[in-house]
Protein backbone atom coordinates (compact mmCIF):
# COMPACT_ATOMS: atom_id res chain seq x y z
CA UNK A 1 -13.80 30.26 -18.81
CA UNK A 2 -13.91 33.22 -16.44
CA UNK A 3 -12.03 33.05 -13.12
CA UNK A 4 -13.09 34.50 -9.77
CA UNK A 5 -15.54 37.18 -10.89
CA UNK A 6 -17.27 39.14 -8.16
CA UNK A 7 -19.32 41.54 -10.30
CA UNK A 8 -22.93 41.20 -11.39
CA UNK A 9 -23.11 39.03 -14.50
CA UNK A 10 -25.94 38.18 -16.88
CA UNK A 11 -26.01 35.01 -18.96
CA UNK A 12 -28.40 34.30 -21.83
CA UNK A 13 -28.63 30.56 -22.33
CA UNK A 14 -29.83 28.90 -25.53
CA UNK A 15 -32.05 25.80 -25.34
CA UNK A 16 -30.25 22.66 -24.05
CA UNK A 17 -27.40 24.77 -22.62
CA UNK A 18 -26.05 24.68 -19.09
CA UNK A 19 -24.51 27.37 -16.87
CA UNK A 20 -21.96 25.81 -14.51
CA UNK A 21 -20.19 27.46 -11.61
CA UNK A 22 -18.26 26.56 -8.47
CA UNK A 23 -17.90 28.39 -5.16
CA UNK A 24 -14.69 27.26 -3.47
CA UNK A 25 -13.50 30.37 -1.61
CA UNK A 26 -14.32 30.10 2.10
CA UNK A 27 -16.88 32.64 3.22
CA UNK A 28 -17.90 33.47 -0.35
CA UNK A 29 -21.57 33.80 -1.31
CA UNK A 30 -23.08 33.70 -4.77
CA UNK A 31 -26.62 34.82 -5.59
CA UNK A 32 -28.47 33.47 -8.62
CA UNK A 33 -31.74 34.77 -10.09
CA UNK A 34 -33.77 33.55 -13.07
CA UNK A 35 -34.83 36.70 -14.93
CA UNK A 36 -36.69 35.15 -17.88
CA UNK A 37 -37.45 31.80 -19.46
CA UNK A 38 -37.43 28.41 -17.73
CA UNK A 39 -34.50 26.70 -16.00
CA UNK A 40 -33.75 23.99 -13.45
CA UNK A 41 -30.95 22.88 -11.14
CA UNK A 42 -30.53 19.09 -11.00
CA UNK A 43 -34.19 18.59 -11.89
CA UNK A 44 -35.66 21.21 -9.52
CA UNK A 45 -37.35 24.12 -11.30
CA UNK A 46 -36.16 27.66 -10.57
CA UNK A 47 -38.80 30.19 -9.60
CA UNK A 48 -38.61 33.28 -11.79
CA UNK A 49 -37.47 36.36 -9.86
CA UNK A 50 -36.48 34.41 -6.74
CA UNK A 51 -32.87 34.77 -5.61
CA UNK A 52 -31.01 31.61 -4.55
CA UNK A 53 -27.92 31.73 -2.34
CA UNK A 54 -24.92 29.40 -2.68
CA UNK A 55 -21.96 29.25 -0.30
CA UNK A 56 -18.50 27.69 -0.20
CA UNK A 57 -18.37 24.15 -1.59
CA UNK A 58 -21.29 24.62 -4.00
CA UNK A 59 -20.98 23.10 -7.48
CA UNK A 60 -24.01 24.17 -9.50
CA UNK A 61 -25.33 23.46 -13.01
CA UNK A 62 -28.33 25.48 -14.29
CA UNK A 63 -29.93 23.75 -17.28
CA UNK A 64 -32.58 25.12 -19.65
CA UNK A 65 -34.69 23.25 -22.18
CA UNK A 66 -36.18 26.35 -23.80
CA UNK A 67 -33.67 29.14 -23.18
CA UNK A 68 -33.42 31.62 -20.30
CA UNK A 69 -31.63 34.62 -18.82
CA UNK A 70 -29.72 34.09 -15.56
CA UNK A 71 -28.27 36.78 -13.29
CA UNK A 72 -25.30 35.81 -11.08
CA UNK A 73 -23.90 38.06 -8.37
CA UNK A 74 -20.92 37.23 -6.18
CA UNK A 75 -17.49 35.61 -6.31
CA UNK A 76 -17.31 32.37 -8.28
CA UNK A 77 -14.09 30.43 -8.71
CA UNK A 78 -15.22 29.07 -12.08
CA UNK A 79 -18.21 30.02 -14.22
CA UNK A 80 -18.96 29.12 -17.84
CA UNK A 81 -21.70 28.13 -20.28
CA UNK A 82 -21.66 24.55 -21.60
CA UNK A 83 -23.34 23.60 -24.87
CA UNK A 84 -22.56 19.89 -24.54
CA UNK A 85 -24.46 18.23 -21.66
CA UNK A 86 -25.82 14.72 -21.05
CA UNK A 87 -29.16 16.10 -19.82
CA UNK A 88 -31.03 14.84 -22.90
CA UNK A 89 -29.74 11.32 -22.19
CA UNK A 90 -30.75 11.63 -18.53
CA UNK A 91 -34.19 12.85 -19.60
CA UNK A 92 -34.54 9.83 -21.89
CA UNK A 93 -33.74 7.58 -18.93
CA UNK A 94 -36.49 9.28 -16.94
CA UNK A 95 -38.93 8.80 -19.83
CA UNK A 96 -38.11 5.09 -20.01
CA UNK A 97 -38.60 4.73 -16.23
CA UNK A 98 -41.89 6.61 -16.47
CA UNK A 99 -43.11 4.20 -19.16
CA UNK A 100 -42.30 1.29 -16.83
CA UNK A 101 -44.14 3.00 -13.96
CA UNK A 102 -47.23 3.46 -16.14
CA UNK A 103 -47.14 -0.23 -17.09
CA UNK A 104 -46.74 -1.23 -13.44
CA UNK A 105 -49.87 0.78 -12.59
CA UNK A 106 -51.87 -1.07 -15.23
CA UNK A 107 -50.62 -4.48 -14.11
CA UNK A 108 -50.59 -3.59 -10.39
CA UNK A 109 -46.93 -4.60 -10.15
CA UNK A 110 -43.82 -3.12 -8.62
CA UNK A 111 -42.28 -0.18 -10.47
CA UNK A 112 -38.68 -0.08 -11.75
CA UNK A 113 -35.82 -0.64 -9.28
CA UNK A 114 -32.91 1.40 -10.66
CA UNK A 115 -29.32 1.26 -9.41
CA UNK A 116 -26.76 3.91 -10.41
CA UNK A 117 -23.13 2.76 -10.42
CA UNK A 118 -19.72 4.10 -11.39
CA UNK A 119 -16.35 5.15 -9.95
CA UNK A 120 -15.93 8.08 -7.58
CA UNK A 121 -16.62 11.62 -8.80
CA UNK A 122 -18.71 10.87 -11.88
CA UNK A 123 -22.01 12.41 -10.69
CA UNK A 124 -23.94 9.39 -9.34
CA UNK A 125 -25.61 11.39 -6.55
CA UNK A 126 -26.49 14.17 -8.99
CA UNK A 127 -28.10 11.74 -11.44
CA UNK A 128 -30.11 10.23 -8.56
CA UNK A 129 -31.32 13.70 -7.65
CA UNK A 130 -32.31 14.51 -11.25
CA UNK A 131 -34.26 11.26 -11.75
CA UNK A 132 -35.99 11.56 -8.36
CA UNK A 133 -36.97 15.19 -9.03
CA UNK A 134 -38.35 14.35 -12.46
CA UNK A 135 -40.34 11.44 -10.98
CA UNK A 136 -41.85 13.59 -8.22
CA UNK A 137 -42.78 16.30 -10.74
CA UNK A 138 -44.80 13.61 -12.52
CA UNK A 139 -46.72 12.91 -9.32
CA UNK A 140 -44.71 9.84 -8.30
CA UNK A 141 -43.50 8.89 -4.80
CA UNK A 142 -40.28 6.91 -5.36
CA UNK A 143 -37.98 5.59 -2.64
CA UNK A 144 -34.45 6.99 -2.61
CA UNK A 145 -31.85 4.52 -1.29
CA UNK A 146 -28.34 5.74 -0.49
CA UNK A 147 -25.68 3.03 -0.08
CA UNK A 148 -22.73 5.47 -0.19
CA UNK A 149 -21.41 5.50 3.38
CA UNK A 150 -18.86 8.20 2.56
CA UNK A 151 -21.45 10.91 1.87
CA UNK A 152 -24.48 10.33 4.08
CA UNK A 153 -26.96 12.15 1.85
CA UNK A 154 -29.94 10.75 3.80
CA UNK A 155 -28.43 10.96 7.28
CA UNK A 156 -24.75 11.35 8.20
CA UNK A 157 -21.55 9.72 6.87
CA UNK A 158 -21.13 6.15 8.07
CA UNK A 159 -24.76 5.22 7.43
CA UNK A 160 -27.00 3.80 4.70
CA UNK A 161 -30.66 4.62 4.43
CA UNK A 162 -33.88 5.02 2.49
CA UNK A 163 -36.35 7.86 2.11
CA UNK A 164 -39.73 8.22 0.41
CA UNK A 165 -39.43 11.31 -1.81
CA UNK A 166 -42.67 13.28 -1.94
CA UNK A 167 -41.56 16.67 -3.28
CA UNK A 168 -38.67 18.02 -5.36
CA UNK A 169 -35.39 18.72 -3.59
CA UNK A 170 -34.89 22.26 -2.34
CA UNK A 171 -32.29 24.02 -4.50
CA UNK A 172 -29.94 24.67 -1.59
CA UNK A 173 -30.84 21.98 0.99
CA UNK A 174 -31.72 18.83 -0.94
CA UNK A 175 -34.63 16.49 -0.21
CA UNK A 176 -36.85 16.89 2.82
CA UNK A 177 -35.69 14.30 5.33
CA UNK A 178 -38.80 13.51 7.28
CA UNK A 179 -38.89 9.99 8.75
CA UNK A 180 -35.89 8.47 6.95
CA UNK A 181 -34.98 4.83 7.51
CA UNK A 182 -31.33 4.76 8.63
CA UNK A 183 -28.91 1.94 9.46
CA UNK A 184 -25.61 2.57 11.19
CA UNK A 185 -22.52 1.10 9.51
CA UNK A 186 -20.04 3.15 11.52
CA UNK A 187 -17.30 3.68 8.91
CA UNK A 188 -16.82 6.08 6.00
CA UNK A 189 -15.39 3.36 3.74
CA UNK A 190 -16.96 0.14 2.51
CA UNK A 191 -13.53 -1.53 2.88
CA UNK A 192 -13.50 -1.10 6.69
CA UNK A 193 -15.90 -4.02 7.27
CA UNK A 194 -17.32 -5.57 4.06
CA UNK A 195 -19.13 -8.36 5.93
CA UNK A 196 -21.01 -5.90 8.15
CA UNK A 197 -21.80 -3.71 5.13
CA UNK A 198 -23.31 -6.66 3.24
CA UNK A 199 -25.45 -7.65 6.25
CA UNK A 200 -26.83 -4.12 6.60
CA UNK A 201 -27.51 -3.76 2.87
CA UNK A 202 -29.41 -7.06 2.85
CA UNK A 203 -31.51 -5.92 5.82
CA UNK A 204 -32.18 -2.51 4.21
CA UNK A 205 -33.30 -4.25 1.01
CA UNK A 206 -35.79 -6.42 2.94
CA UNK A 207 -37.25 -3.36 4.70
CA UNK A 208 -37.50 -1.35 1.46
CA UNK A 209 -39.35 -4.19 -0.28
CA UNK A 210 -41.75 -4.37 2.67
CA UNK A 211 -42.49 -0.66 2.30
CA UNK A 212 -43.12 -1.10 -1.42
CA UNK A 213 -45.72 -3.75 -0.60
CA UNK A 214 -47.54 -1.47 1.84
CA UNK A 215 -48.02 1.67 -0.32
CA UNK A 216 -49.40 1.28 -3.83
CA UNK A 217 -48.26 4.69 -5.09
CA UNK A 218 -44.72 4.08 -3.88
CA UNK A 219 -44.79 0.52 -5.24
CA UNK A 220 -45.65 1.81 -8.72
CA UNK A 221 -43.04 4.59 -8.48
CA UNK A 222 -40.15 2.22 -7.75
CA UNK A 223 -36.73 2.83 -6.24
CA UNK A 224 -33.62 4.86 -7.19
CA UNK A 225 -30.41 3.51 -5.58
CA UNK A 226 -27.13 5.40 -5.19
CA UNK A 227 -23.98 3.31 -4.65
CA UNK A 228 -20.38 3.65 -3.45
CA UNK A 229 -17.57 4.48 -5.86
CA UNK A 230 -15.54 1.35 -5.11
CA UNK A 231 -16.07 -0.76 -8.24
CA UNK A 232 -13.13 -3.21 -8.17
CA UNK A 233 -12.53 -6.45 -6.26
CA UNK A 234 -14.77 -6.69 -3.18
CA UNK A 235 -16.46 -3.44 -4.21
CA UNK A 236 -17.57 -4.96 -7.52
CA UNK A 237 -18.78 -8.13 -5.76
CA UNK A 238 -20.83 -5.96 -3.42
CA UNK A 239 -22.42 -4.14 -6.40
CA UNK A 240 -23.60 -7.53 -7.67
CA UNK A 241 -24.81 -8.45 -4.16
CA UNK A 242 -26.68 -5.14 -3.83
CA UNK A 243 -28.34 -5.65 -7.20
CA UNK A 244 -29.45 -9.11 -6.14
CA UNK A 245 -30.68 -7.97 -2.71
CA UNK A 246 -32.82 -5.15 -4.13
CA UNK A 247 -33.88 -7.19 -7.20
CA UNK A 248 -32.91 -4.35 -9.54
CA UNK A 249 -34.39 -4.09 -13.03
CA UNK A 250 -32.08 -1.41 -14.42
CA UNK A 251 -28.44 -0.48 -13.82
CA UNK A 252 -27.24 2.89 -15.08
CA UNK A 253 -23.44 2.87 -15.48
CA UNK A 254 -21.74 6.25 -15.46
CA UNK A 255 -18.50 6.88 -17.35
CA UNK A 256 -16.81 3.47 -17.30
CA UNK A 257 -17.22 1.05 -20.21
CA UNK A 258 -15.23 -1.67 -18.47
CA UNK A 259 -17.68 -1.72 -15.55
CA UNK A 260 -20.56 -1.70 -18.05
CA UNK A 261 -19.20 -4.77 -19.85
CA UNK A 262 -18.49 -6.63 -16.60
CA UNK A 263 -22.07 -6.03 -15.43
CA UNK A 264 -23.47 -7.16 -18.79
CA UNK A 265 -21.49 -10.38 -18.29
CA UNK A 266 -22.34 -10.97 -14.63
CA UNK A 267 -25.86 -9.58 -14.07
CA UNK A 268 -28.97 -11.68 -14.81
CA UNK A 269 -30.26 -11.37 -18.38
CA UNK A 270 -33.49 -9.66 -17.29
CA UNK A 271 -31.56 -6.69 -15.86
CA UNK A 272 -31.13 -3.84 -18.35
CA UNK A 273 -27.62 -2.33 -18.24
CA UNK A 274 -27.35 1.20 -19.70
CA UNK A 275 -24.13 3.14 -20.26
CA UNK A 276 -24.26 6.92 -19.74
CA UNK A 277 -21.78 9.75 -20.09
CA UNK A 278 -20.88 11.79 -17.04
CA UNK A 279 -21.48 15.53 -17.12
CA UNK A 280 -18.56 17.72 -18.16
CA UNK A 281 -19.18 19.72 -15.00
CA UNK A 282 -18.22 16.85 -12.70
CA UNK A 283 -14.87 17.43 -11.00
CA UNK A 284 -12.60 15.20 -8.94
CA UNK A 285 -12.86 16.04 -5.25
CA UNK A 286 -9.77 16.26 -3.06
CA UNK A 287 -9.45 14.29 0.18
CA UNK A 288 -9.55 17.54 2.17
CA UNK A 289 -12.75 18.60 0.44
CA UNK A 290 -14.34 15.23 1.20
CA UNK A 291 -13.36 15.47 4.87
CA UNK A 292 -14.75 19.00 5.13
CA UNK A 293 -17.97 17.92 3.42
CA UNK A 294 -18.34 15.05 5.94
CA UNK A 295 -17.81 17.43 8.87
CA UNK A 296 -20.30 19.86 7.39
CA UNK A 297 -22.88 17.09 6.94
CA UNK A 298 -22.60 16.09 10.62
CA UNK A 299 -22.64 19.74 11.73
CA UNK A 300 -25.89 20.24 9.80
CA UNK A 301 -27.38 17.18 11.52
CA UNK A 302 -26.93 18.85 14.91
CA UNK A 303 -27.06 22.56 14.08
CA UNK A 304 -29.08 22.73 10.87
CA UNK A 305 -28.41 25.08 7.96
CA UNK A 306 -28.32 28.90 7.86
CA UNK A 307 -31.92 28.87 6.60
CA UNK A 308 -33.13 26.18 8.99
CA UNK A 309 -31.14 26.47 12.20
CA UNK A 310 -31.38 23.81 14.89
CA UNK A 311 -30.45 24.11 18.55
CA UNK A 312 -29.02 20.84 19.91
CA UNK A 313 -28.81 19.92 23.57
CA UNK A 314 -25.83 18.99 25.72
CA UNK A 315 -26.34 16.85 28.81
CA UNK A 316 -24.53 14.49 31.17
CA UNK A 317 -25.28 10.81 31.67
CA UNK A 318 -23.90 8.37 34.19
CA UNK A 319 -22.09 5.41 32.70
CA UNK A 320 -24.63 3.16 34.38
CA UNK A 321 -27.47 4.83 32.42
CA UNK A 322 -26.26 3.70 29.00
CA UNK A 323 -24.77 0.62 27.35
CA UNK A 324 -22.23 1.33 24.62
CA UNK A 325 -21.43 -1.42 22.14
CA UNK A 326 -18.79 -1.72 19.44
CA UNK A 327 -19.27 -3.88 16.36
CA UNK A 328 -16.19 -5.97 15.65
CA UNK A 329 -13.78 -7.66 18.05
CA UNK A 330 -9.99 -7.91 17.67
CA UNK A 331 -9.04 -10.70 15.29
CA UNK A 332 -7.66 -13.90 16.77
CA UNK A 333 -5.24 -16.39 15.17
CA UNK A 334 -7.02 -19.36 13.56
CA UNK A 335 -5.59 -21.67 16.22
CA UNK A 336 -7.33 -19.69 18.99
CA UNK A 337 -10.77 -19.58 17.40
CA UNK A 338 -13.64 -21.51 18.97
CA UNK A 339 -14.69 -24.61 17.03
CA UNK A 340 -16.72 -23.73 13.94
CA UNK A 341 -15.97 -20.01 14.06
CA UNK A 342 -14.32 -18.29 11.09
CA UNK A 343 -11.93 -15.31 11.38
CA UNK A 344 -14.41 -12.99 9.60
CA UNK A 345 -17.08 -13.77 12.22
CA UNK A 346 -15.28 -11.40 14.55
CA UNK A 347 -16.06 -8.53 12.18
CA UNK A 348 -19.69 -8.62 13.32
CA UNK A 349 -19.23 -9.59 16.96
CA UNK A 350 -20.78 -7.22 19.51
CA UNK A 351 -18.48 -5.99 22.27
CA UNK A 352 -19.74 -4.11 25.34
CA UNK A 353 -17.48 -1.13 26.09
CA UNK A 354 -16.66 0.68 29.28
CA UNK A 355 -16.70 4.42 28.47
CA UNK A 356 -13.16 5.78 28.16
CA UNK A 357 -11.22 8.68 26.68
CA UNK A 358 -10.95 6.78 23.39
CA UNK A 359 -14.61 7.45 22.52
CA UNK A 360 -14.26 11.24 22.86
CA UNK A 361 -15.65 13.10 19.79
CA UNK A 362 -17.02 9.84 18.35
CA UNK A 363 -20.56 9.52 17.01
CA UNK A 364 -22.86 7.07 18.82
CA UNK A 365 -25.91 5.60 17.10
CA UNK A 366 -29.04 5.39 19.26
CA UNK A 367 -30.38 1.95 18.42
CA UNK A 368 -34.04 0.94 18.17
CA UNK A 369 -33.05 -2.55 19.37
CA UNK A 370 -35.02 -3.87 22.35
CA UNK A 371 -32.55 -6.63 23.26
CA UNK A 372 -28.80 -6.72 23.62
CA UNK A 373 -28.14 -9.49 21.13
CA UNK A 374 -26.64 -9.96 17.66
CA UNK A 375 -29.88 -8.73 16.02
CA UNK A 376 -29.18 -5.19 17.18
CA UNK A 377 -26.52 -4.93 14.46
CA UNK A 378 -29.38 -5.05 11.94
CA UNK A 379 -31.67 -2.69 13.83
CA UNK A 380 -32.27 0.72 12.31
CA UNK A 381 -31.49 3.75 14.45
CA UNK A 382 -33.52 6.60 15.89
CA UNK A 383 -30.69 9.11 15.62
CA UNK A 384 -27.16 10.02 16.66
CA UNK A 385 -25.34 11.72 19.53
CA UNK A 386 -21.73 12.87 19.82
CA UNK A 387 -19.47 12.31 22.85
CA UNK A 388 -18.23 15.79 23.80
CA UNK A 389 -16.64 14.87 27.16
CA UNK A 390 -15.67 11.80 29.22
CA UNK A 391 -15.18 12.26 32.97
CA UNK A 392 -13.47 9.06 34.16
CA UNK A 393 -13.36 10.06 37.83
CA UNK A 394 -17.07 10.85 38.09
CA UNK A 395 -18.00 8.15 35.52
CA UNK A 396 -20.04 10.61 33.45
CA UNK A 397 -20.17 11.21 29.70
CA UNK A 398 -21.43 14.42 28.10
CA UNK A 399 -23.42 14.06 24.89
CA UNK A 400 -24.36 16.48 22.14
CA UNK A 401 -27.88 15.49 21.06
CA UNK A 402 -30.56 16.81 18.67
CA UNK A 403 -33.15 16.46 21.46
CA UNK A 404 -33.11 16.77 25.28
CA UNK A 405 -32.75 13.73 27.49
CA UNK A 406 -33.90 11.10 28.09
CA UNK A 407 -32.57 9.29 25.02
CA UNK A 408 -35.10 7.16 23.09
CA UNK A 409 -33.08 4.10 24.07
CA UNK A 410 -30.10 3.41 26.32
CA UNK A 411 -28.44 1.07 23.79
CA UNK A 412 -25.76 2.99 21.89
CA UNK A 413 -23.43 1.74 19.15
CA UNK A 414 -20.00 3.30 18.67
CA UNK A 415 -19.08 4.67 15.23
CA UNK A 416 -15.61 5.29 13.83
CA UNK A 417 -16.93 8.61 12.51
CA UNK A 418 -15.80 11.58 14.59
CA UNK A 419 -17.01 15.16 14.94
CA UNK A 420 -15.21 18.04 16.66
CA UNK A 421 -17.91 20.41 17.91
CA UNK A 422 -16.60 23.93 17.39
CA UNK A 423 -19.70 25.73 18.70
C-alpha cells in the first residue's frame, strides 16, 4: 500500500483486478485517465483518453474485466491494486436479474424487485449503483428507490425517494436526477420517528407500483432498493415491512450472515435471499465524515457541483404568506390523551408553527399538498428551501431557494435537517 503519493503514477491491471484509492486531504485533487484496455467505475465505463477529476472525500474503485493501463496524477491518501474483489459475484447477480427481466418481457409481467440490505458501511449504495448501471447498459429503465434517510442520494438527507434511471451514472456526479419522486421524512435517522418513516415508505411503495403499471419498459426492468443500515430491533422490523410494502422478489444481504439467516426465517418462501461479500475497499466512515457528506449533499442541492454550478435565490416572505407545519407534537401522559388515542399517534400529528428563531438554518420542504390536513404528511414534495434569517419584529423570513419566488406552494414542512449557508 502506498501512502499520500502526489507524483504521476501508472498502473497496469490484470483481468478481474481493481485499483482502489481514497482522497481524504481537503483541497486535494486527483486526476485519472484510462490509457489502454477497458475499465469501469461502479459499473460506468471509462472513456479511453478522457481525464476524470476526483476531490476530497472520493473513494474510488476502478475495475477491469480484460486488463488495462491507468494513469493517476495527484495526491491520494491510499492507493493500491486489489486482486480479490466481489465484482464477479455482483456480475452474476446482474445476470440473474437480467434473466428474470427477459422472462417478464415474455410473460408481460413485472420485473424483479430487488432490495439490498446490510449494516452500515458495507457498500449497499455502491452495489445499487453497479446493478443499476449494468441494467441501463443492457437497455433497461429500472427504478432506483433510496430508503436511506442518512445519505439522500436521490435528493437531500432526511428524505426517501425514487428515480427512473435512463442512463449510466456520471463517474463524478452520479445518476441524472431529472424528475425524482421525493418524500420528506425530516430526520437523518430512522430511529427519530419510526411510525412516520413506515407511513412514508408505504406511500412511496404504492406510488412506485403505480409507475411500474404505467410504463411497460420500466415494469419489465424492475426496481433496485437501497436501505438504511439499522438492522436490529425496530430497524429489522422495518426491513421486513419495506420488503412487504414493495413486494420484493430478491433480497441481497451484504456482509452479515446473521441477518441473512434471520431473513431466510422471516421472509416469505417465494423471496430469494442471497448472501454476498462486501468489497475489501469498503471502509468505515467516521461521524464527522458523515456530517460533512450531508452538508455537502445539501450544498450541492442549492449550489450545484464544480462542473454544474447552480445559482440559488434569496428572498423575503411575510409570515402571513406561508404556513409552516411540524410533524410530531410533544408527547402527553397516557392519562391526558383523548379517548381512543395512543401515545404514538402524536408522532404523526401536524402542528402549525409561528415562525421563530428556532427554525433558523432549518430545511423546509415545499409540499405538493392542496389541503392542510393529515394527508399532507404523505404528499411528495416539489423541493426544499433553507431558512437563512428570521426577523421577528418585521415578521419576515428570508429563504434560500433553488428558484425565484413565488414558491410552488405556500405549505411548508419543517425538517430537523439543518444547513449553514457559507456562501
